[in-house]
Amino acid sequence: MDFFGTCHSDTAKPAILQARHLSWYRTNMVRGLTFYPPDILSVMLKDGKLQMDEKGALTLPPEV
């Protein structure tokens, strides 16, 4: 059984968790990306060091 949760403040509320979020987390865990905090992953995605796959999970770009 997997438990997932979030919290919110009066000014910020995250998206309602759905099954796809758990699927993305499991995929990111297999890819070793859950060791990085969300702010670092966001910067890596912005800088092109990460990409999103066809299902919306994070992935490393193919090596050239």
Protein backbone atom coordinates (compact mmCIF):
# COMPACT_ATOMS: atom_id res chain seq x y z
CA MET A 1 0.00 0.00 0.00
CA ASP A 2 1.34 3.41 -0.95
CA PHE A 3 0.43 6.54 0.96
CA PHE A 4 0.96 9.93 -0.60
CA GLY A 5 0.11 13.28 0.87
CA THR A 6 0.51 17.00 0.56
CA CYS A 7 -0.17 20.02 2.65
CA HIS A 8 -1.26 23.53 1.81
CA SER A 9 -1.29 27.02 3.19
CA ASP A 10 -3.81 29.81 2.86
CA THR A 11 -2.01 31.07 -0.25
CA ALA A 12 -0.78 27.91 -2.01
CA LYS A 13 -2.61 24.67 -2.70
CA PRO A 14 -1.05 21.80 -4.69
CA ALA A 15 -2.88 19.79 -7.30
CA ILE A 16 -5.15 17.00 -6.04
CA LEU A 17 -3.12 13.79 -6.09
CA GLN A 18 -4.21 11.22 -8.63
CA ALA A 19 -3.06 7.73 -9.63
CA ARG A 20 -0.85 9.17 -12.39
CA HIS A 21 1.16 11.10 -9.79
CA LEU A 22 1.99 7.84 -7.99
CA SER A 23 2.91 6.27 -11.32
CA TRP A 24 5.24 9.20 -12.10
CA TYR A 25 6.81 8.89 -8.65
CA ARG A 26 7.48 5.17 -9.11
CA THR A 27 9.00 5.81 -12.54
CA ASN A 28 11.17 8.61 -11.15
CA MET A 29 12.22 6.32 -8.29
CA VAL A 30 13.37 3.61 -10.72
CA ARG A 31 15.26 6.28 -12.69
CA GLY A 32 16.98 7.49 -9.50
CA LEU A 33 15.42 10.94 -9.63
CA THR A 34 13.65 10.86 -6.26
CA PHE A 35 16.92 11.64 -4.47
CA TYR A 36 16.76 15.21 -5.79
CA PRO A 37 14.47 17.84 -4.24
CA PRO A 38 11.70 19.27 -6.44
CA ASP A 39 13.38 22.67 -6.83
CA ILE A 40 16.55 21.04 -8.22
CA LEU A 41 14.51 18.86 -10.60
CA SER A 42 12.67 21.97 -11.84
CA VAL A 43 15.96 23.73 -12.58
CA MET A 44 17.32 20.62 -14.33
CA LEU A 45 14.15 20.42 -16.46
CA LYS A 46 14.35 24.12 -17.30
CA ASP A 47 18.05 23.79 -18.25
CA GLY A 48 17.37 20.80 -20.51
CA LYS A 49 19.21 18.33 -18.28
CA LEU A 50 15.93 16.43 -17.86
CA GLN A 51 13.00 15.82 -20.18
CA MET A 52 9.46 14.53 -19.78
CA ASP A 53 8.60 11.21 -21.39
CA GLU A 54 5.36 10.47 -23.23
CA LYS A 55 3.59 9.65 -19.93
CA GLY A 56 4.74 12.83 -18.16
CA ALA A 57 7.48 11.29 -15.99
CA LEU A 58 10.96 12.80 -15.86
CA THR A 59 13.74 11.19 -17.84
CA LEU A 60 17.33 11.93 -18.72
CA PRO A 61 17.76 13.14 -22.30
CA PRO A 62 19.38 10.67 -24.71
CA GLU A 63 23.14 11.01 -25.00
CA VAL A 64 24.35 12.38 -28.30
